[in-house]
Amino acid sequence: MMDFNIAGAFKNTAARLGDRTALVALEKKRWQQWSFTELSRNCDGFAAALAGQGVRQGDRVILMVRPSMAFFCLTFALFQLGAVVILIDPGMGYRNLLRCIGSVQPDILIGIPRAILFSRLFPRPFAGVRKRLSVGRSLFTAGITALQLTPQNRAVIAYQAEKDHLAAIIFTTGSTGPPKGVEYTHGIFHAQLRLIRDFYGIGTGDIDQPGFPLFGLFSTALGAQAVIPDMDPSRPAHVDPAKFVQTLMAHQVTYSFGSPAIWNVVSQYCSDRSIVLPVKKILMAGAPVSGELVARVQKIMPADGQIFTPYGATESLPVASIEGREIVSHTWPRTRAGKGVCVGRALPEVDLRIIKVMTGQIASWHEVQEVPINTVGEIVVRGPIVTRAYAFQEAATRLAKIADGTRFWHRMGDVGYLDEQQRLWFCGRLAHRVTTVHGVLDTIPCEAVFNRHPQVRRSALVGIGKPDQQVPVIVVEVTGKATGREQLFAELRELALGYPQTKYIEHFLIHRCFPVDIRHNAKIFREQLASWAAKRVEHE
């Protein structure tokens, strides 16, 4: 029987690569590095220590540790033991964080001292926790066991996982509602590893600087070296570009996966200083990527460098992909004309369809109606990287999945269409559609029209009023010193008249700074903007 345990993939790689550098990270304000052999031994040491503290197969373990050697080794150690790792972005805010923790009922908490203190200050979500283990000591952890590496002379016997065995619970950003815990099996992690290795050509010899720490685990499992940047991964738009670039250059990084918010800051920094990075492959994901950003990043890479913008979600990633040259040369002009954002073709083993939008649960694939080419509908996918369920949320799972015999489809919660070349064009979130008396408006095609204005930094379409009778409103952030409000609005109205999807939009507002998600700093919380806009339109 094949072992799907993701920790086993890393152990096999470590045995093959031995003394090659696997990880570089800041430890106590000093850069340190570990070979594959050292990292593997530390995984065994942590696995022994955790087993000694009573961590068992099936335990739900919430891991609240900063990106570090300990984070890497603890994650693999928990997989070795067959525990279920719970990963929650601390940047989502206390209220969401507490709700998420309570929803998955953790058995064990492993965290830095501040996380231990947090669990004491807000005990209710941690009520089922039978043991707290601290990574580091402080006054906050008095009476709490400090987790120590246990020296190992032999490998710990690893849990042999089957394809459908639960490995982790990873939370969504919550851009269209409360964050939900997504169940990841060992088989899904294996499928993601295979796709990243085969499609993007990542493996031994590559050096990765991941903007998302979790992807550093994939890199080391594939035999690449991971360099953990000196940044707060929950606030990518606030990355210090000098620090980020310094490690890219010092370690001659060849590959990096991060939010477009990171690359927006870094590319501007490099452009201003005529810096060309050694990075050969850059993957930007988490939010729509503009052609302008792709073009700017191309200029700071080697001539043969490649940029990819994978499309997907926490529930299924990667689904589709497109390379930067195709964006700049072919698809971006259509995006600017309001045709949506092209996110590429489905990856191998991924089946992608567009169906007629239906509200509520879809119990069976027999109930759906696929739409023709170039027709906007709901995006659904199936394949080995598609997760099956949300943790402890049966109602949400039923709404998001469509049974198809022994298999199932996942509803991405997005709308878009397929063109003649089987490329997927993303048109926005299904929940953000504005339904008016003149028809349905999708956010991305409409906003592209107004983003063309030189004084508009970005725009957001929101709807006010009852469904099917909503009044569409365009809210804009302006760049620098804008002209007078009335003149700007007149110019935006003139732009609106030039396109069929925007010709009925007559209301415009200026907002100083859009509310956005913490993880990517790009997903606009349109529900908040809609409430804000409603109060102002009422007084016009």
Protein backbone atom coordinates (compact mmCIF):
# COMPACT_ATOMS: atom_id res chain seq x y z
CA MET A 1 0.00 0.00 0.00
CA MET A 2 1.32 3.42 -0.98
CA ASP A 3 2.13 5.78 1.88
CA PHE A 4 0.67 9.22 1.18
CA ASN A 5 2.03 10.84 4.36
CA ILE A 6 3.47 14.18 3.26
CA ALA A 7 6.16 13.85 5.93
CA GLY A 8 7.32 10.71 4.16
CA ALA A 9 7.92 12.69 0.97
CA PHE A 10 10.21 15.04 2.88
CA LYS A 11 12.03 12.18 4.63
CA ASN A 12 12.74 10.48 1.29
CA THR A 13 14.06 13.74 -0.14
CA ALA A 14 16.21 14.38 2.94
CA ALA A 15 17.72 10.89 2.73
CA ARG A 16 18.65 11.55 -0.89
CA LEU A 17 20.05 15.09 -0.47
CA GLY A 18 21.81 14.72 2.89
CA ASP A 19 24.15 17.65 3.58
CA ARG A 20 22.68 20.03 1.02
CA THR A 21 21.15 23.15 2.56
CA ALA A 22 17.41 22.74 3.09
CA LEU A 23 16.41 25.80 5.10
CA VAL A 24 17.68 29.30 5.84
CA ALA A 25 15.88 31.38 8.48
CA LEU A 26 16.31 34.00 11.17
CA GLU A 27 16.79 32.53 14.63
CA LYS A 28 17.30 34.94 17.52
CA LYS A 29 18.09 37.77 15.07
CA ARG A 30 20.80 35.75 13.34
CA TRP A 31 20.60 33.98 9.98
CA GLN A 32 21.08 30.24 10.34
CA GLN A 33 20.90 27.32 7.96
CA TRP A 34 20.12 23.61 8.22
CA SER A 35 20.93 20.76 5.89
CA PHE A 36 18.31 18.21 4.82
CA THR A 37 19.86 15.73 7.25
CA GLU A 38 19.71 18.21 10.15
CA LEU A 39 16.14 19.20 9.34
CA SER A 40 15.11 15.55 9.14
CA ARG A 41 16.73 14.81 12.53
CA ASN A 42 14.98 17.79 14.05
CA CYS A 43 11.67 16.50 12.69
CA ASP A 44 12.33 13.18 14.40
CA GLY A 45 13.36 14.97 17.59
CA PHE A 46 10.17 16.99 17.70
CA ALA A 47 8.10 13.91 16.83
CA ALA A 48 9.62 12.07 19.80
CA ALA A 49 9.07 15.05 22.09
CA LEU A 50 5.45 15.41 20.96
CA ALA A 51 4.77 11.70 21.36
CA GLY A 52 6.26 11.92 24.84
CA GLN A 53 3.80 14.70 25.66
CA GLY A 54 0.87 12.54 24.60
CA VAL A 55 0.19 13.81 21.08
CA ARG A 56 -1.64 10.99 19.31
CA GLN A 57 -2.82 10.03 15.85
CA GLY A 58 -5.95 12.01 14.97
CA ASP A 59 -5.36 14.77 17.53
CA ARG A 60 -6.28 18.21 16.21
CA VAL A 61 -3.22 20.35 16.94
CA ILE A 62 -3.35 24.10 16.46
CA LEU A 63 0.09 25.36 15.53
CA MET A 64 0.70 29.02 16.43
CA VAL A 65 4.40 29.39 15.66
CA ARG A 66 6.14 32.00 13.51
CA PRO A 67 7.84 30.92 10.25
CA SER A 68 11.06 29.29 11.46
CA MET A 69 12.94 26.01 11.70
CA ALA A 70 10.57 25.02 14.50
CA PHE A 71 7.53 25.73 12.32
CA PHE A 72 8.88 23.51 9.53
CA CYS A 73 9.97 20.66 11.77
CA LEU A 74 6.92 20.72 14.02
CA THR A 75 4.60 20.58 11.01
CA PHE A 76 6.39 17.57 9.52
CA ALA A 77 6.64 15.97 12.97
CA LEU A 78 2.90 16.26 13.49
CA PHE A 79 2.30 14.70 10.07
CA GLN A 80 4.68 11.87 11.08
CA LEU A 81 2.55 11.18 14.13
CA GLY A 82 -0.71 11.27 12.16
CA ALA A 83 -1.96 14.37 13.97
CA VAL A 84 -4.14 16.93 12.16
CA VAL A 85 -2.38 20.30 11.88
CA ILE A 86 -4.59 23.37 12.24
CA LEU A 87 -3.20 26.50 10.58
CA ILE A 88 -4.96 29.85 11.04
CA ASP A 89 -3.72 33.22 9.80
CA PRO A 90 -3.29 35.36 12.96
CA GLY A 91 -3.75 38.49 10.87
CA MET A 92 -7.47 37.88 10.38
CA GLY A 93 -8.26 39.76 13.62
CA TYR A 94 -9.12 38.57 17.12
CA ARG A 95 -12.84 38.06 16.54
CA ASN A 96 -12.40 35.85 13.46
CA LEU A 97 -9.42 34.09 15.02
CA LEU A 98 -11.34 33.13 18.14
CA ARG A 99 -14.35 32.01 16.13
CA CYS A 100 -12.14 29.85 13.89
CA ILE A 101 -10.35 28.23 16.83
CA GLY A 102 -13.63 27.42 18.54
CA SER A 103 -15.09 25.96 15.34
CA VAL A 104 -12.42 23.25 14.98
CA GLN A 105 -12.19 22.24 18.66
CA PRO A 106 -8.41 21.73 18.99
CA ASP A 107 -7.06 19.04 21.33
CA ILE A 108 -3.51 20.43 21.60
CA LEU A 109 -2.07 23.95 21.39
CA ILE A 110 1.56 24.38 20.33
CA GLY A 111 2.53 28.03 20.29
CA ILE A 112 4.94 30.81 21.08
CA PRO A 113 4.52 32.37 24.55
CA ARG A 114 2.25 35.09 23.19
CA ALA A 115 -0.09 32.44 21.77
CA ILE A 116 -0.17 30.66 25.14
CA LEU A 117 -1.09 33.94 26.82
CA PHE A 118 -3.77 34.52 24.17
CA SER A 119 -5.34 31.14 25.01
CA ARG A 120 -5.49 32.09 28.69
CA LEU A 121 -7.02 35.51 28.06
CA PHE A 122 -9.72 34.02 25.80
CA PRO A 123 -10.27 30.52 27.24
CA ARG A 124 -13.64 29.60 25.72
CA PRO A 125 -12.45 28.61 22.18
CA PHE A 126 -9.65 26.58 23.81
CA ALA A 127 -11.99 24.77 26.21
CA GLY A 128 -11.28 21.34 24.66
CA VAL A 129 -7.50 21.74 24.74
CA ARG A 130 -6.03 19.09 27.01
CA LYS A 131 -2.41 20.23 26.71
CA ARG A 132 -0.51 23.42 25.92
CA LEU A 133 3.08 23.21 24.71
CA SER A 134 5.25 26.30 24.48
CA VAL A 135 7.93 26.95 21.86
CA GLY A 136 10.14 29.16 24.01
CA ARG A 137 9.88 30.34 27.61
CA SER A 138 8.56 33.55 29.20
CA LEU A 139 6.50 34.74 32.15
CA PHE A 140 3.42 33.99 30.01
CA THR A 141 4.20 30.27 30.03
CA ALA A 142 4.65 29.62 33.74
CA GLY A 143 3.46 26.08 34.44
CA ILE A 144 3.39 25.23 30.70
CA THR A 145 5.68 22.55 29.26
CA ALA A 146 8.38 24.04 27.06
CA LEU A 147 8.77 21.84 24.01
CA GLN A 148 12.39 20.71 23.55
CA LEU A 149 14.06 18.80 20.76
CA THR A 150 14.71 15.23 21.85
CA PRO A 151 18.03 13.86 20.50
CA GLN A 152 17.35 10.93 18.17
CA ASN A 153 19.68 8.18 17.03
CA ARG A 154 17.02 6.51 14.93
CA ALA A 155 14.02 7.67 12.93
CA VAL A 156 10.63 7.74 14.60
CA ILE A 157 8.21 5.24 13.10
CA ALA A 158 5.93 7.36 10.96
CA TYR A 159 2.18 7.02 10.61
CA GLN A 160 1.36 5.43 7.25
CA ALA A 161 -1.33 7.60 5.75
CA GLU A 162 -3.85 6.62 3.12
CA LYS A 163 -4.97 8.98 0.39
CA ASP A 164 -8.13 10.15 2.16
CA HIS A 165 -6.68 10.46 5.68
CA LEU A 166 -6.98 13.95 7.13
CA ALA A 167 -3.68 15.84 7.37
CA ALA A 168 -4.55 19.48 8.08
CA ILE A 169 -7.24 22.11 8.48
CA ILE A 170 -6.35 25.36 6.74
CA PHE A 171 -8.60 28.42 6.94
CA THR A 172 -9.86 30.57 4.07
CA THR A 173 -9.37 34.34 4.09
CA GLY A 174 -13.09 34.96 4.55
CA SER A 175 -13.35 37.51 1.75
CA THR A 176 -17.07 36.75 1.22
CA GLY A 177 -18.07 35.65 4.72
CA PRO A 178 -16.60 34.18 7.89
CA PRO A 179 -13.38 32.16 7.33
CA LYS A 180 -13.96 28.41 7.04
CA GLY A 181 -11.64 25.54 7.92
CA VAL A 182 -10.79 23.49 4.84
CA GLU A 183 -9.95 19.81 5.33
CA TYR A 184 -6.72 18.76 3.57
CA THR A 185 -5.94 15.09 3.15
CA HIS A 186 -2.48 13.62 2.66
CA GLY A 187 -3.54 12.69 -0.87
CA ILE A 188 -4.31 16.33 -1.73
CA PHE A 189 -0.90 17.45 -0.47
CA HIS A 190 0.70 14.74 -2.60
CA ALA A 191 -1.23 15.89 -5.67
CA GLN A 192 -0.19 19.51 -5.09
CA LEU A 193 3.45 18.45 -4.76
CA ARG A 194 3.22 16.55 -8.03
CA LEU A 195 1.65 19.46 -9.91
CA ILE A 196 4.13 22.03 -8.56
CA ARG A 197 7.04 19.73 -9.46
CA ASP A 198 5.85 18.74 -12.93
CA PHE A 199 4.03 21.84 -14.17
CA TYR A 200 6.30 24.54 -12.78
CA GLY A 201 9.50 22.49 -12.84
CA ILE A 202 10.41 23.05 -9.19
CA GLY A 203 12.82 20.65 -7.52
CA THR A 204 16.40 19.85 -6.54
CA GLY A 205 18.71 22.78 -7.24
CA ASP A 206 16.02 25.44 -6.83
CA ILE A 207 16.18 28.01 -4.05
CA ASP A 208 12.77 29.27 -2.90
CA GLN A 209 11.87 32.40 -0.96
CA PRO A 210 8.20 31.83 -0.09
CA GLY A 211 5.92 34.76 0.69
CA PHE A 212 3.53 32.15 2.15
CA PRO A 213 5.40 30.01 4.75
CA LEU A 214 3.30 26.92 4.01
CA PHE A 215 4.72 26.77 0.49
CA GLY A 216 8.21 26.52 1.92
CA LEU A 217 7.20 23.07 3.20
CA PHE A 218 6.42 22.02 -0.37
CA SER A 219 9.79 23.34 -1.53
CA THR A 220 11.82 21.31 0.95
CA ALA A 221 9.74 18.20 0.23
CA LEU A 222 10.61 18.67 -3.46
CA GLY A 223 14.31 19.04 -2.71
CA ALA A 224 14.53 22.81 -3.06
CA GLN A 225 16.16 25.06 -0.48
CA ALA A 226 13.76 27.39 1.36
CA VAL A 227 14.85 30.87 2.47
CA ILE A 228 12.32 32.32 4.92
CA PRO A 229 12.16 36.09 4.34
CA ASP A 230 12.33 38.60 7.17
CA MET A 231 8.70 39.75 6.97
CA ASP A 232 5.27 39.36 8.53
CA PRO A 233 3.52 36.95 6.13
CA SER A 234 0.10 38.09 7.39
CA ARG A 235 0.79 41.64 6.12
CA PRO A 236 2.40 41.26 2.69
CA ALA A 237 1.75 44.85 1.57
CA HIS A 238 3.93 46.04 4.48
CA VAL A 239 6.95 43.96 3.45
CA ASP A 240 10.27 45.77 3.78
CA PRO A 241 11.50 45.56 0.18
CA ALA A 242 15.14 46.15 1.14
CA LYS A 243 15.13 43.11 3.45
CA PHE A 244 13.21 40.98 0.97
CA VAL A 245 15.57 41.84 -1.88
CA GLN A 246 18.67 41.40 0.28
CA THR A 247 17.91 37.72 0.89
CA LEU A 248 16.88 37.17 -2.73
CA MET A 249 20.30 38.44 -3.80
CA ALA A 250 22.40 36.92 -0.99
CA HIS A 251 21.08 33.39 -1.57
CA GLN A 252 20.62 33.71 -5.36
CA VAL A 253 16.98 32.68 -5.04
CA THR A 254 15.62 31.05 -8.22
CA TYR A 255 11.93 30.75 -7.36
CA SER A 256 9.42 32.66 -5.25
CA PHE A 257 5.71 32.28 -4.57
CA GLY A 258 3.92 35.27 -3.07
CA SER A 259 1.00 37.66 -3.09
CA PRO A 260 0.87 40.38 -5.78
CA ALA A 261 0.96 42.79 -2.82
CA ILE A 262 4.54 41.68 -2.11
CA TRP A 263 5.67 41.97 -5.72
CA ASN A 264 4.04 45.36 -6.14
CA VAL A 265 6.26 46.75 -3.35
CA VAL A 266 9.38 44.80 -4.32
CA SER A 267 9.17 45.56 -8.05
CA GLN A 268 8.77 49.28 -7.39
CA TYR A 269 11.81 49.21 -5.10
CA CYS A 270 13.92 47.35 -7.68
CA SER A 271 12.75 49.53 -10.57
CA ASP A 272 13.72 52.70 -8.71
CA ARG A 273 17.24 51.29 -8.14
CA SER A 274 17.76 49.44 -11.44
CA ILE A 275 18.08 46.11 -9.59
CA VAL A 276 17.79 42.89 -11.60
CA LEU A 277 16.96 39.90 -9.43
CA PRO A 278 18.36 36.37 -9.91
CA VAL A 279 14.85 34.88 -9.61
CA LYS A 280 13.97 32.75 -12.67
CA LYS A 281 10.37 31.92 -11.71
CA ILE A 282 7.85 34.02 -9.81
CA LEU A 283 4.37 32.82 -8.94
CA MET A 284 1.83 35.46 -7.90
CA ALA A 285 -1.47 34.30 -6.45
CA GLY A 286 -4.18 35.21 -3.96
CA ALA A 287 -5.76 38.06 -5.93
CA PRO A 288 -6.11 39.18 -9.56
CA VAL A 289 -2.77 40.30 -10.99
CA SER A 290 -2.64 43.33 -13.29
CA GLY A 291 -0.79 43.36 -16.57
CA GLU A 292 1.05 46.47 -15.42
CA LEU A 293 2.43 44.58 -12.41
CA VAL A 294 3.46 41.62 -14.57
CA ALA A 295 5.26 43.92 -16.99
CA ARG A 296 7.06 45.74 -14.17
CA VAL A 297 8.18 42.48 -12.54
CA GLN A 298 9.41 41.17 -15.91
CA LYS A 299 11.82 44.11 -16.10
CA ILE A 300 13.53 43.18 -12.82
CA MET A 301 14.04 39.51 -13.78
CA PRO A 302 16.55 37.82 -16.10
CA ALA A 303 15.60 37.84 -19.78
CA ASP A 304 14.55 34.18 -19.61
CA GLY A 305 12.61 34.63 -16.36
CA GLN A 306 9.00 33.45 -16.15
CA ILE A 307 6.02 34.79 -14.22
CA PHE A 308 2.99 32.63 -13.52
CA THR A 309 -0.32 33.69 -11.98
CA PRO A 310 -1.99 30.49 -10.69
CA TYR A 311 -5.74 30.62 -10.07
CA GLY A 312 -7.34 28.73 -7.24
CA ALA A 313 -8.58 28.98 -3.67
CA THR A 314 -7.84 27.48 -0.28
CA GLU A 315 -10.31 24.73 -1.23
CA SER A 316 -8.50 23.90 -4.48
CA LEU A 317 -5.08 25.09 -5.61
CA PRO A 318 -3.72 25.27 -8.27
CA VAL A 319 -6.64 25.08 -10.72
CA ALA A 320 -5.43 27.06 -13.74
CA SER A 321 -2.32 28.99 -14.74
CA ILE A 322 -1.04 31.46 -17.32
CA GLU A 323 2.46 32.78 -18.07
CA GLY A 324 3.26 36.49 -17.90
CA ARG A 325 4.21 36.98 -21.55
CA GLU A 326 0.79 35.78 -22.67
CA ILE A 327 -0.84 38.19 -20.21
CA VAL A 328 1.09 41.24 -21.38
CA SER A 329 0.96 40.45 -25.11
CA HIS A 330 -2.51 38.96 -25.53
CA THR A 331 -4.94 39.00 -22.62
CA TRP A 332 -4.33 42.24 -20.72
CA PRO A 333 -5.68 44.53 -23.50
CA ARG A 334 -8.95 42.57 -23.34
CA THR A 335 -8.96 42.84 -19.55
CA ARG A 336 -8.66 46.62 -19.79
CA ALA A 337 -11.62 46.62 -22.16
CA GLY A 338 -13.78 44.93 -19.54
CA LYS A 339 -13.54 41.28 -20.60
CA GLY A 340 -12.37 39.92 -17.23
CA VAL A 341 -8.96 38.68 -16.11
CA CYS A 342 -7.54 35.68 -17.96
CA VAL A 343 -6.15 33.18 -15.46
CA GLY A 344 -5.12 30.58 -18.01
CA ARG A 345 -5.85 26.96 -18.82
CA ALA A 346 -6.71 24.16 -16.43
CA LEU A 347 -3.70 22.30 -15.05
CA PRO A 348 -3.19 18.60 -15.82
CA GLU A 349 -5.65 16.32 -13.99
CA VAL A 350 -7.96 19.30 -13.24
CA ASP A 351 -11.41 19.34 -14.86
CA LEU A 352 -12.87 22.85 -15.09
CA ARG A 353 -16.40 23.73 -16.24
CA ILE A 354 -18.71 26.77 -16.39
CA ILE A 355 -22.33 26.20 -15.35
CA LYS A 356 -25.45 28.32 -15.23
CA VAL A 357 -25.62 30.24 -11.96
CA MET A 358 -27.94 28.60 -9.44
CA THR A 359 -28.66 29.72 -5.89
CA GLY A 360 -28.60 27.36 -2.95
CA GLN A 361 -27.48 23.75 -2.80
CA ILE A 362 -26.97 21.65 -5.94
CA ALA A 363 -27.37 18.06 -4.84
CA SER A 364 -26.38 16.35 -8.10
CA TRP A 365 -24.46 17.09 -11.29
CA HIS A 366 -27.64 16.12 -13.19
CA GLU A 367 -29.19 19.39 -11.98
CA VAL A 368 -26.60 21.67 -13.58
CA GLN A 369 -26.59 23.23 -17.03
CA GLU A 370 -23.25 23.94 -18.67
CA VAL A 371 -23.11 27.23 -20.58
CA PRO A 372 -21.61 27.87 -24.05
CA ILE A 373 -18.13 29.27 -24.76
CA ASN A 374 -17.76 33.00 -23.91
CA THR A 375 -20.80 32.90 -21.62
CA VAL A 376 -20.34 33.98 -18.00
CA GLY A 377 -21.39 31.45 -15.41
CA GLU A 378 -20.31 29.81 -12.17
CA ILE A 379 -16.86 28.19 -12.10
CA VAL A 380 -16.73 24.58 -10.86
CA VAL A 381 -13.75 22.20 -10.67
CA ARG A 382 -12.88 18.64 -9.81
CA GLY A 383 -9.59 16.81 -9.54
CA PRO A 384 -6.98 15.48 -7.12
CA ILE A 385 -6.22 18.95 -5.63
CA VAL A 386 -9.88 19.66 -4.77
CA THR A 387 -10.76 19.38 -1.08
CA ARG A 388 -13.85 17.44 -0.04
CA ALA A 389 -15.21 19.27 3.01
CA TYR A 390 -15.14 22.12 5.50
CA ALA A 391 -14.33 21.06 9.06
CA PHE A 392 -17.43 20.74 11.25
CA GLN A 393 -19.53 22.72 8.74
CA GLU A 394 -21.83 20.28 6.97
CA ALA A 395 -24.19 22.96 5.65
CA ALA A 396 -21.33 24.93 4.08
CA THR A 397 -19.94 21.71 2.59
CA ARG A 398 -23.30 20.84 0.99
CA LEU A 399 -23.51 24.32 -0.55
CA ALA A 400 -19.99 24.13 -1.98
CA LYS A 401 -19.96 20.59 -3.39
CA ILE A 402 -21.89 18.89 -6.20
CA ALA A 403 -22.09 15.10 -6.19
CA ASP A 404 -21.26 13.39 -9.50
CA GLY A 405 -21.46 9.64 -9.02
CA THR A 406 -18.57 8.63 -6.79
CA ARG A 407 -16.81 11.95 -7.45
CA PHE A 408 -17.73 15.55 -6.77
CA TRP A 409 -17.30 19.11 -8.06
CA HIS A 410 -16.29 22.13 -6.01
CA ARG A 411 -18.09 25.43 -6.56
CA MET A 412 -15.34 28.06 -6.55
CA GLY A 413 -17.73 30.86 -5.57
CA ASP A 414 -16.49 32.75 -8.63
CA VAL A 415 -17.99 33.64 -12.00
CA GLY A 416 -16.18 33.59 -15.32
CA TYR A 417 -16.13 32.05 -18.78
CA LEU A 418 -14.05 29.87 -21.09
CA ASP A 419 -12.90 31.25 -24.43
CA GLU A 420 -12.24 29.42 -27.73
CA GLN A 421 -8.76 28.44 -26.50
CA GLN A 422 -10.15 26.92 -23.29
CA ARG A 423 -8.66 29.74 -21.25
CA LEU A 424 -10.53 30.73 -18.11
CA TRP A 425 -11.50 34.38 -17.67
CA PHE A 426 -12.25 35.41 -14.08
CA CYS A 427 -15.06 37.98 -13.71
CA GLY A 428 -15.38 38.24 -9.92
CA ARG A 429 -16.95 36.64 -6.89
CA LEU A 430 -20.46 35.27 -7.28
CA ALA A 431 -21.51 36.92 -4.01
CA HIS A 432 -20.36 40.33 -5.31
CA ARG A 433 -22.53 40.42 -8.43
CA VAL A 434 -24.83 43.43 -8.62
CA THR A 435 -28.33 42.60 -9.87
CA THR A 436 -30.07 45.61 -11.42
CA VAL A 437 -33.24 46.16 -13.43
CA HIS A 438 -31.01 46.29 -16.52
CA GLY A 439 -29.28 42.99 -15.80
CA VAL A 440 -26.40 41.46 -13.83
CA LEU A 441 -23.11 43.33 -13.41
CA ASP A 442 -19.87 41.49 -12.58
CA THR A 443 -17.21 43.30 -10.58
CA ILE A 444 -13.99 42.70 -12.54
CA PRO A 445 -15.26 43.66 -16.05
CA CYS A 446 -16.97 46.80 -14.72
CA GLU A 447 -14.10 47.96 -12.54
CA ALA A 448 -11.61 47.57 -15.39
CA VAL A 449 -13.39 50.34 -17.28
CA PHE A 450 -12.88 52.86 -14.48
CA ASN A 451 -9.39 51.69 -13.58
CA ARG A 452 -8.30 53.10 -16.96
CA HIS A 453 -8.74 56.64 -15.60
CA PRO A 454 -5.29 58.06 -14.70
CA GLN A 455 -6.52 59.37 -11.33
CA VAL A 456 -8.12 56.08 -10.23
CA ARG A 457 -5.85 53.82 -8.17
CA ARG A 458 -8.52 51.13 -8.04
CA SER A 459 -12.29 50.90 -8.08
CA ALA A 460 -14.99 48.72 -6.55
CA LEU A 461 -18.47 47.99 -7.83
CA VAL A 462 -21.13 47.65 -5.12
CA GLY A 463 -24.91 47.39 -5.19
CA ILE A 464 -27.43 49.22 -3.04
CA GLY A 465 -31.01 48.07 -2.47
CA LYS A 466 -33.03 44.91 -3.02
CA PRO A 467 -31.85 42.05 -5.24
CA ASP A 468 -32.78 42.48 -8.91
CA GLN A 469 -33.38 46.17 -8.22
CA GLN A 470 -29.98 47.20 -6.97
CA VAL A 471 -28.49 50.58 -7.79
CA PRO A 472 -24.89 50.12 -9.01
CA VAL A 473 -22.27 52.38 -7.43
CA ILE A 474 -18.60 52.71 -8.33
CA VAL A 475 -16.35 53.57 -5.37
CA VAL A 476 -12.84 54.73 -6.23
CA GLU A 477 -9.53 55.29 -4.51
CA VAL A 478 -7.70 58.17 -6.18
CA THR A 479 -4.00 58.55 -6.87
CA GLY A 480 -2.20 61.69 -5.73
CA LYS A 481 -4.06 64.94 -6.14
CA ALA A 482 -7.22 64.32 -8.09
CA THR A 483 -9.10 66.99 -9.99
CA GLY A 484 -12.30 68.33 -8.52
CA ARG A 485 -14.78 65.70 -7.42
CA GLU A 486 -17.46 66.79 -9.89
CA GLN A 487 -15.05 66.80 -12.81
CA LEU A 488 -13.72 63.36 -11.90
CA PHE A 489 -17.24 61.95 -11.63
CA ALA A 490 -18.18 63.48 -14.98
CA GLU A 491 -15.16 61.82 -16.59
CA LEU A 492 -16.02 58.48 -14.99
CA ARG A 493 -19.56 58.76 -16.27
CA GLU A 494 -18.23 59.42 -19.75
CA LEU A 495 -16.10 56.27 -19.50
CA ALA A 496 -19.17 54.31 -18.35
CA LEU A 497 -21.14 55.29 -21.43
CA GLY A 498 -18.51 53.74 -23.69
CA TYR A 499 -19.12 50.12 -22.59
CA PRO A 500 -22.32 48.04 -22.53
CA GLN A 501 -21.66 46.59 -19.06
CA THR A 502 -21.26 50.03 -17.43
CA LYS A 503 -23.54 52.37 -19.38
CA TYR A 504 -26.20 52.41 -16.65
CA ILE A 505 -23.78 53.23 -13.81
CA GLU A 506 -24.42 56.80 -12.68
CA HIS A 507 -23.33 56.92 -9.03
CA PHE A 508 -19.68 57.48 -8.03
CA LEU A 509 -18.00 57.91 -4.64
CA ILE A 510 -14.44 58.45 -3.40
CA HIS A 511 -13.13 56.33 -0.52
CA ARG A 512 -9.80 57.09 1.14
CA CYS A 513 -8.68 53.48 1.64
CA PHE A 514 -10.66 50.33 0.80
CA PRO A 515 -11.13 47.69 3.50
CA VAL A 516 -9.18 44.64 2.28
CA ASP A 517 -8.21 41.19 3.48
CA ILE A 518 -5.14 40.89 5.67
CA ARG A 519 -3.56 37.91 3.90
CA HIS A 520 -3.33 39.36 0.37
CA ASN A 521 -4.15 43.05 0.95
CA ALA A 522 -6.07 42.94 -2.32
CA LYS A 523 -9.46 41.28 -1.80
CA ILE A 524 -11.85 44.18 -1.25
CA PHE A 525 -14.51 43.73 1.42
CA ARG A 526 -17.31 44.95 -0.82
CA GLU A 527 -20.00 44.21 1.77
CA GLN A 528 -18.45 46.86 4.04
CA LEU A 529 -18.09 49.27 1.13
CA ALA A 530 -21.72 48.70 0.13
CA SER A 531 -22.96 49.67 3.62
CA TRP A 532 -20.71 52.73 3.57
CA ALA A 533 -21.89 53.71 0.09
CA ALA A 534 -25.58 53.24 0.91
CA LYS A 535 -25.44 55.91 3.61
CA ARG A 536 -23.84 58.42 1.25
CA VAL A 537 -26.03 57.76 -1.78
CA GLU A 538 -29.12 58.22 0.38
CA HIS A 539 -27.99 61.77 1.20
CA GLU A 540 -27.14 62.76 -2.37
